Amino acid sequence: MSDALEDDALWDEFHRVVNMTSQELAAWLRVQDSGERTEPLPDEAGSPIGQHVLAILQKRRMDLTDGDVRVMREVVDLVTSQADLANEPEPESAEETGRRHRLMTLGHDPLKATR
């Protein structure tokens, strides 16, 4: 990892925007990936980025890799650009529900308070 202050800020920001617990995210990834007749293995459910976010949530800060740091930056940027973190209303349309589901794949549930 690079600069310690920058890393501290990224760690804090990542855990602020990722407001789902690892258990909530794992359950969501399984639900999101399940089909009518099949359900993925728990460790294989979800998108690659969703799986990486889940792995990061289960790590200590000192165990992060450079790849983890890249994903953390990407998730912070994506969630920040797609979510109104200060004032997120209940989804009222299919488009808003789809937006919520995309954000949840990154570990951010707009209906939950941000940490």
N, C-alpha and C. Protein backbone atom coordinates (compact mmCIF):
# COMPACT_ATOMS: atom_id res chain seq x y z
N MET A 1 0.84 -1.18 0.00
CA MET A 1 0.00 0.00 0.00
C MET A 1 0.89 1.25 0.00
N SER A 2 0.30 2.33 -0.39
CA SER A 2 1.10 3.55 -0.55
C SER A 2 1.11 4.38 0.71
N ASP A 3 0.84 5.65 0.59
CA ASP A 3 0.89 6.61 1.69
C ASP A 3 -0.08 6.23 2.81
N ALA A 4 0.40 6.21 4.05
CA ALA A 4 -0.42 5.75 5.19
C ALA A 4 -1.66 6.62 5.42
N LEU A 5 -1.52 7.94 5.33
CA LEU A 5 -2.68 8.82 5.53
C LEU A 5 -3.73 8.61 4.44
N GLU A 6 -3.26 8.47 3.21
CA GLU A 6 -4.17 8.22 2.09
C GLU A 6 -4.88 6.88 2.27
N ASP A 7 -4.13 5.87 2.72
CA ASP A 7 -4.71 4.55 2.95
C ASP A 7 -5.74 4.58 4.08
N ASP A 8 -5.44 5.32 5.14
CA ASP A 8 -6.40 5.47 6.24
C ASP A 8 -7.69 6.09 5.75
N ALA A 9 -7.57 7.14 4.95
CA ALA A 9 -8.74 7.84 4.43
C ALA A 9 -9.54 6.92 3.50
N LEU A 10 -8.87 6.16 2.65
CA LEU A 10 -9.56 5.24 1.75
C LEU A 10 -10.27 4.14 2.54
N TRP A 11 -9.60 3.57 3.53
CA TRP A 11 -10.20 2.53 4.38
C TRP A 11 -11.47 3.07 5.04
N ASP A 12 -11.39 4.26 5.61
CA ASP A 12 -12.55 4.86 6.28
C ASP A 12 -13.68 5.14 5.29
N GLU A 13 -13.34 5.71 4.14
CA GLU A 13 -14.35 6.04 3.14
C GLU A 13 -15.01 4.77 2.58
N PHE A 14 -14.21 3.75 2.33
CA PHE A 14 -14.75 2.48 1.83
C PHE A 14 -15.76 1.91 2.83
N HIS A 15 -15.40 1.92 4.11
CA HIS A 15 -16.30 1.37 5.13
C HIS A 15 -17.48 2.30 5.42
N ARG A 16 -17.40 3.54 4.99
CA ARG A 16 -18.55 4.43 5.11
C ARG A 16 -19.55 4.15 3.99
N VAL A 17 -19.07 4.01 2.76
CA VAL A 17 -19.99 3.80 1.64
C VAL A 17 -20.48 2.36 1.55
N VAL A 18 -19.66 1.41 1.98
CA VAL A 18 -20.10 0.02 2.02
C VAL A 18 -20.81 -0.16 3.36
N ASN A 19 -22.12 -0.01 3.33
CA ASN A 19 -22.88 -0.02 4.58
C ASN A 19 -23.57 -1.35 4.86
N MET A 20 -23.28 -2.36 4.05
CA MET A 20 -23.80 -3.70 4.31
C MET A 20 -22.71 -4.51 5.02
N THR A 21 -23.13 -5.37 5.92
CA THR A 21 -22.16 -6.25 6.58
C THR A 21 -21.75 -7.34 5.59
N SER A 22 -20.69 -8.06 5.92
CA SER A 22 -20.27 -9.15 5.04
C SER A 22 -21.36 -10.21 4.92
N GLN A 23 -22.11 -10.46 6.01
CA GLN A 23 -23.20 -11.44 5.97
C GLN A 23 -24.32 -10.96 5.06
N GLU A 24 -24.67 -9.68 5.15
CA GLU A 24 -25.72 -9.12 4.29
C GLU A 24 -25.32 -9.16 2.83
N LEU A 25 -24.07 -8.79 2.55
CA LEU A 25 -23.59 -8.79 1.17
C LEU A 25 -23.54 -10.22 0.62
N ALA A 26 -23.04 -11.16 1.40
CA ALA A 26 -22.98 -12.56 0.94
C ALA A 26 -24.38 -13.08 0.63
N ALA A 27 -25.34 -12.79 1.49
CA ALA A 27 -26.72 -13.22 1.26
C ALA A 27 -27.28 -12.57 0.00
N TRP A 28 -27.02 -11.26 -0.19
CA TRP A 28 -27.51 -10.57 -1.38
C TRP A 28 -26.91 -11.15 -2.65
N LEU A 29 -25.61 -11.42 -2.64
CA LEU A 29 -24.95 -11.98 -3.82
C LEU A 29 -25.54 -13.35 -4.17
N ARG A 30 -25.86 -14.15 -3.16
CA ARG A 30 -26.49 -15.46 -3.42
C ARG A 30 -27.88 -15.28 -4.02
N VAL A 31 -28.67 -14.37 -3.47
CA VAL A 31 -30.02 -14.11 -3.99
C VAL A 31 -29.94 -13.58 -5.42
N GLN A 32 -29.05 -12.63 -5.64
CA GLN A 32 -28.92 -11.98 -6.95
C GLN A 32 -28.50 -12.99 -8.01
N ASP A 33 -27.71 -13.98 -7.65
CA ASP A 33 -27.17 -14.94 -8.61
C ASP A 33 -28.05 -16.18 -8.78
N SER A 34 -29.02 -16.38 -7.91
CA SER A 34 -29.81 -17.61 -7.98
C SER A 34 -30.78 -17.55 -9.16
N GLY A 35 -30.97 -18.70 -9.76
CA GLY A 35 -31.90 -18.81 -10.87
C GLY A 35 -33.13 -19.59 -10.44
N GLU A 36 -33.99 -19.89 -11.42
CA GLU A 36 -35.21 -20.62 -11.09
C GLU A 36 -34.91 -22.02 -10.55
N ARG A 37 -33.90 -22.67 -11.14
CA ARG A 37 -33.63 -24.06 -10.75
C ARG A 37 -32.29 -24.26 -10.08
N THR A 38 -31.44 -23.26 -10.13
CA THR A 38 -30.11 -23.45 -9.56
C THR A 38 -29.76 -22.31 -8.63
N GLU A 39 -28.90 -22.62 -7.71
CA GLU A 39 -28.36 -21.61 -6.82
C GLU A 39 -26.85 -21.83 -6.79
N PRO A 40 -26.06 -20.76 -6.94
CA PRO A 40 -24.61 -20.93 -6.97
C PRO A 40 -24.07 -21.35 -5.60
N LEU A 41 -22.87 -21.91 -5.65
CA LEU A 41 -22.19 -22.20 -4.40
C LEU A 41 -21.96 -20.89 -3.66
N PRO A 42 -22.10 -20.86 -2.34
CA PRO A 42 -21.97 -19.60 -1.60
C PRO A 42 -20.70 -18.82 -1.90
N ASP A 43 -19.59 -19.50 -2.09
CA ASP A 43 -18.33 -18.81 -2.34
C ASP A 43 -18.19 -18.33 -3.78
N GLU A 44 -19.13 -18.71 -4.66
CA GLU A 44 -19.04 -18.34 -6.06
C GLU A 44 -20.16 -17.42 -6.50
N ALA A 45 -21.00 -16.98 -5.59
CA ALA A 45 -22.15 -16.15 -5.94
C ALA A 45 -21.74 -14.71 -6.15
N GLY A 46 -22.39 -14.08 -7.11
CA GLY A 46 -22.19 -12.64 -7.32
C GLY A 46 -21.16 -12.33 -8.37
N SER A 47 -21.09 -11.04 -8.67
CA SER A 47 -20.13 -10.55 -9.67
C SER A 47 -18.72 -10.59 -9.08
N PRO A 48 -17.71 -10.56 -9.94
CA PRO A 48 -16.34 -10.53 -9.42
C PRO A 48 -16.09 -9.36 -8.47
N ILE A 49 -16.61 -8.17 -8.80
CA ILE A 49 -16.38 -7.03 -7.90
C ILE A 49 -17.13 -7.23 -6.59
N GLY A 50 -18.33 -7.78 -6.63
CA GLY A 50 -19.07 -8.05 -5.40
C GLY A 50 -18.32 -9.04 -4.52
N GLN A 51 -17.76 -10.07 -5.14
CA GLN A 51 -16.97 -11.06 -4.39
C GLN A 51 -15.72 -10.41 -3.80
N HIS A 52 -15.11 -9.49 -4.53
CA HIS A 52 -13.90 -8.82 -4.03
C HIS A 52 -14.25 -7.91 -2.85
N VAL A 53 -15.38 -7.19 -2.95
CA VAL A 53 -15.82 -6.36 -1.83
C VAL A 53 -16.05 -7.23 -0.60
N LEU A 54 -16.70 -8.36 -0.79
CA LEU A 54 -16.95 -9.29 0.32
C LEU A 54 -15.63 -9.74 0.94
N ALA A 55 -14.65 -10.08 0.11
CA ALA A 55 -13.34 -10.50 0.62
C ALA A 55 -12.67 -9.39 1.41
N ILE A 56 -12.78 -8.15 0.92
CA ILE A 56 -12.17 -7.01 1.63
C ILE A 56 -12.83 -6.82 2.99
N LEU A 57 -14.16 -6.95 3.03
CA LEU A 57 -14.87 -6.79 4.31
C LEU A 57 -14.41 -7.82 5.35
N GLN A 58 -13.89 -8.93 4.90
CA GLN A 58 -13.48 -9.99 5.81
C GLN A 58 -11.99 -9.92 6.16
N LYS A 59 -11.32 -8.85 5.68
CA LYS A 59 -9.89 -8.70 5.95
C LYS A 59 -9.63 -7.63 6.99
N ARG A 60 -8.44 -7.73 7.57
CA ARG A 60 -7.93 -6.64 8.40
C ARG A 60 -7.22 -5.67 7.47
N ARG A 61 -7.17 -4.42 7.85
CA ARG A 61 -6.56 -3.40 7.01
C ARG A 61 -5.12 -3.75 6.64
N MET A 62 -4.40 -4.30 7.59
CA MET A 62 -2.99 -4.61 7.34
C MET A 62 -2.80 -5.75 6.34
N ASP A 63 -3.88 -6.48 6.01
CA ASP A 63 -3.77 -7.60 5.08
C ASP A 63 -4.18 -7.24 3.65
N LEU A 64 -4.48 -5.98 3.39
CA LEU A 64 -4.92 -5.57 2.06
C LEU A 64 -3.80 -5.69 1.03
N THR A 65 -4.19 -6.07 -0.17
CA THR A 65 -3.24 -6.12 -1.29
C THR A 65 -3.43 -4.88 -2.16
N ASP A 66 -2.53 -4.68 -3.11
CA ASP A 66 -2.69 -3.57 -4.04
C ASP A 66 -3.99 -3.72 -4.83
N GLY A 67 -4.35 -4.96 -5.18
CA GLY A 67 -5.61 -5.21 -5.87
C GLY A 67 -6.81 -4.81 -5.03
N ASP A 68 -6.74 -5.07 -3.73
CA ASP A 68 -7.82 -4.66 -2.82
C ASP A 68 -7.96 -3.14 -2.81
N VAL A 69 -6.84 -2.45 -2.77
CA VAL A 69 -6.86 -0.98 -2.74
C VAL A 69 -7.48 -0.44 -4.02
N ARG A 70 -7.15 -1.04 -5.17
CA ARG A 70 -7.75 -0.61 -6.44
C ARG A 70 -9.26 -0.81 -6.41
N VAL A 71 -9.72 -1.95 -5.92
CA VAL A 71 -11.16 -2.23 -5.86
C VAL A 71 -11.84 -1.28 -4.87
N MET A 72 -11.19 -1.00 -3.76
CA MET A 72 -11.77 -0.08 -2.79
C MET A 72 -11.97 1.30 -3.42
N ARG A 73 -10.96 1.78 -4.15
CA ARG A 73 -11.08 3.09 -4.83
C ARG A 73 -12.21 3.06 -5.85
N GLU A 74 -12.29 1.97 -6.62
CA GLU A 74 -13.33 1.84 -7.63
C GLU A 74 -14.72 1.84 -6.99
N VAL A 75 -14.88 1.10 -5.91
CA VAL A 75 -16.18 1.03 -5.23
C VAL A 75 -16.56 2.39 -4.65
N VAL A 76 -15.64 3.06 -4.00
CA VAL A 76 -15.92 4.39 -3.45
C VAL A 76 -16.35 5.33 -4.57
N ASP A 77 -15.63 5.31 -5.69
CA ASP A 77 -15.98 6.18 -6.82
C ASP A 77 -17.34 5.83 -7.41
N LEU A 78 -17.60 4.54 -7.61
CA LEU A 78 -18.88 4.12 -8.19
C LEU A 78 -20.05 4.46 -7.28
N VAL A 79 -19.94 4.12 -6.00
CA VAL A 79 -21.05 4.38 -5.08
C VAL A 79 -21.27 5.88 -4.94
N THR A 80 -20.20 6.63 -4.81
CA THR A 80 -20.32 8.08 -4.66
C THR A 80 -20.97 8.71 -5.88
N SER A 81 -20.64 8.22 -7.07
CA SER A 81 -21.21 8.80 -8.29
C SER A 81 -22.65 8.37 -8.53
N GLN A 82 -23.04 7.20 -8.02
CA GLN A 82 -24.38 6.67 -8.28
C GLN A 82 -25.37 6.91 -7.15
N ALA A 83 -24.89 7.24 -5.99
CA ALA A 83 -25.76 7.35 -4.83
C ALA A 83 -25.75 8.77 -4.27
N ASP A 84 -26.89 9.18 -3.78
CA ASP A 84 -26.98 10.44 -3.05
C ASP A 84 -26.87 10.06 -1.58
N LEU A 85 -25.64 10.00 -1.08
CA LEU A 85 -25.39 9.45 0.25
C LEU A 85 -26.04 10.27 1.36
N ALA A 86 -26.33 11.51 1.10
CA ALA A 86 -26.92 12.35 2.14
C ALA A 86 -28.43 12.16 2.24
N ASN A 87 -29.07 11.81 1.12
CA ASN A 87 -30.54 11.80 1.12
C ASN A 87 -31.04 10.77 0.12
N GLU A 88 -31.08 9.51 0.52
CA GLU A 88 -31.51 8.47 -0.39
C GLU A 88 -32.95 8.06 -0.09
N PRO A 89 -33.87 8.37 -1.01
CA PRO A 89 -35.27 8.03 -0.79
C PRO A 89 -35.57 6.57 -1.08
N GLU A 90 -36.76 6.14 -0.69
CA GLU A 90 -37.24 4.81 -1.03
C GLU A 90 -37.34 4.71 -2.55
N PRO A 91 -36.99 3.56 -3.15
CA PRO A 91 -37.15 3.44 -4.59
C PRO A 91 -38.63 3.43 -4.95
N GLU A 92 -38.98 4.21 -5.96
CA GLU A 92 -40.38 4.31 -6.36
C GLU A 92 -40.64 3.72 -7.73
N SER A 93 -39.59 3.42 -8.48
CA SER A 93 -39.77 2.88 -9.82
C SER A 93 -38.84 1.70 -10.04
N ALA A 94 -39.09 0.99 -11.13
CA ALA A 94 -38.23 -0.14 -11.47
C ALA A 94 -36.80 0.34 -11.71
N GLU A 95 -36.64 1.52 -12.30
CA GLU A 95 -35.30 2.06 -12.54
C GLU A 95 -34.57 2.31 -11.22
N GLU A 96 -35.27 2.88 -10.25
CA GLU A 96 -34.66 3.13 -8.94
C GLU A 96 -34.36 1.81 -8.22
N THR A 97 -35.25 0.82 -8.38
CA THR A 97 -35.02 -0.48 -7.77
C THR A 97 -33.79 -1.13 -8.41
N GLY A 98 -33.65 -1.01 -9.73
CA GLY A 98 -32.47 -1.54 -10.41
C GLY A 98 -31.20 -0.86 -9.94
N ARG A 99 -31.27 0.47 -9.74
CA ARG A 99 -30.13 1.23 -9.22
C ARG A 99 -29.76 0.73 -7.84
N ARG A 100 -30.78 0.51 -7.00
CA ARG A 100 -30.52 0.00 -5.65
C ARG A 100 -29.83 -1.36 -5.72
N HIS A 101 -30.30 -2.23 -6.58
CA HIS A 101 -29.72 -3.57 -6.69
C HIS A 101 -28.27 -3.51 -7.19
N ARG A 102 -27.99 -2.60 -8.14
CA ARG A 102 -26.60 -2.44 -8.61
C ARG A 102 -25.70 -1.97 -7.47
N LEU A 103 -26.18 -1.02 -6.69
CA LEU A 103 -25.39 -0.51 -5.56
C LEU A 103 -25.21 -1.60 -4.50
N MET A 104 -26.24 -2.40 -4.28
CA MET A 104 -26.13 -3.47 -3.28
C MET A 104 -25.07 -4.49 -3.69
N THR A 105 -24.88 -4.71 -4.98
CA THR A 105 -23.85 -5.62 -5.45
C THR A 105 -22.46 -5.11 -5.06
N LEU A 106 -22.36 -3.80 -4.84
CA LEU A 106 -21.10 -3.19 -4.39
C LEU A 106 -21.03 -3.07 -2.87
N GLY A 107 -22.08 -3.52 -2.18
CA GLY A 107 -22.09 -3.45 -0.71
C GLY A 107 -22.76 -2.23 -0.15
N HIS A 108 -23.44 -1.44 -0.98
CA HIS A 108 -24.12 -0.24 -0.50
C HIS A 108 -25.63 -0.39 -0.70
N ASP A 109 -26.36 -0.40 0.39
CA ASP A 109 -27.82 -0.42 0.32
C ASP A 109 -28.33 0.99 0.55
N PRO A 110 -28.90 1.62 -0.47
CA PRO A 110 -29.37 3.00 -0.32
C PRO A 110 -30.45 3.18 0.75
N LEU A 111 -31.14 2.10 1.11
CA LEU A 111 -32.19 2.20 2.10
C LEU A 111 -31.67 2.09 3.53
N LYS A 112 -30.40 1.78 3.66
CA LYS A 112 -29.75 1.68 4.97
C LYS A 112 -28.98 2.95 5.27
N ALA A 113 -28.90 3.31 6.50
CA ALA A 113 -28.11 4.49 6.88
C ALA A 113 -26.64 4.23 6.55
N THR A 114 -25.99 5.26 6.04
CA THR A 114 -24.55 5.17 5.78
C THR A 114 -23.82 5.27 7.11
N ARG A 115 -22.79 4.48 7.26
CA ARG A 115 -22.03 4.45 8.53
C ARG A 115 -21.29 5.73 8.76
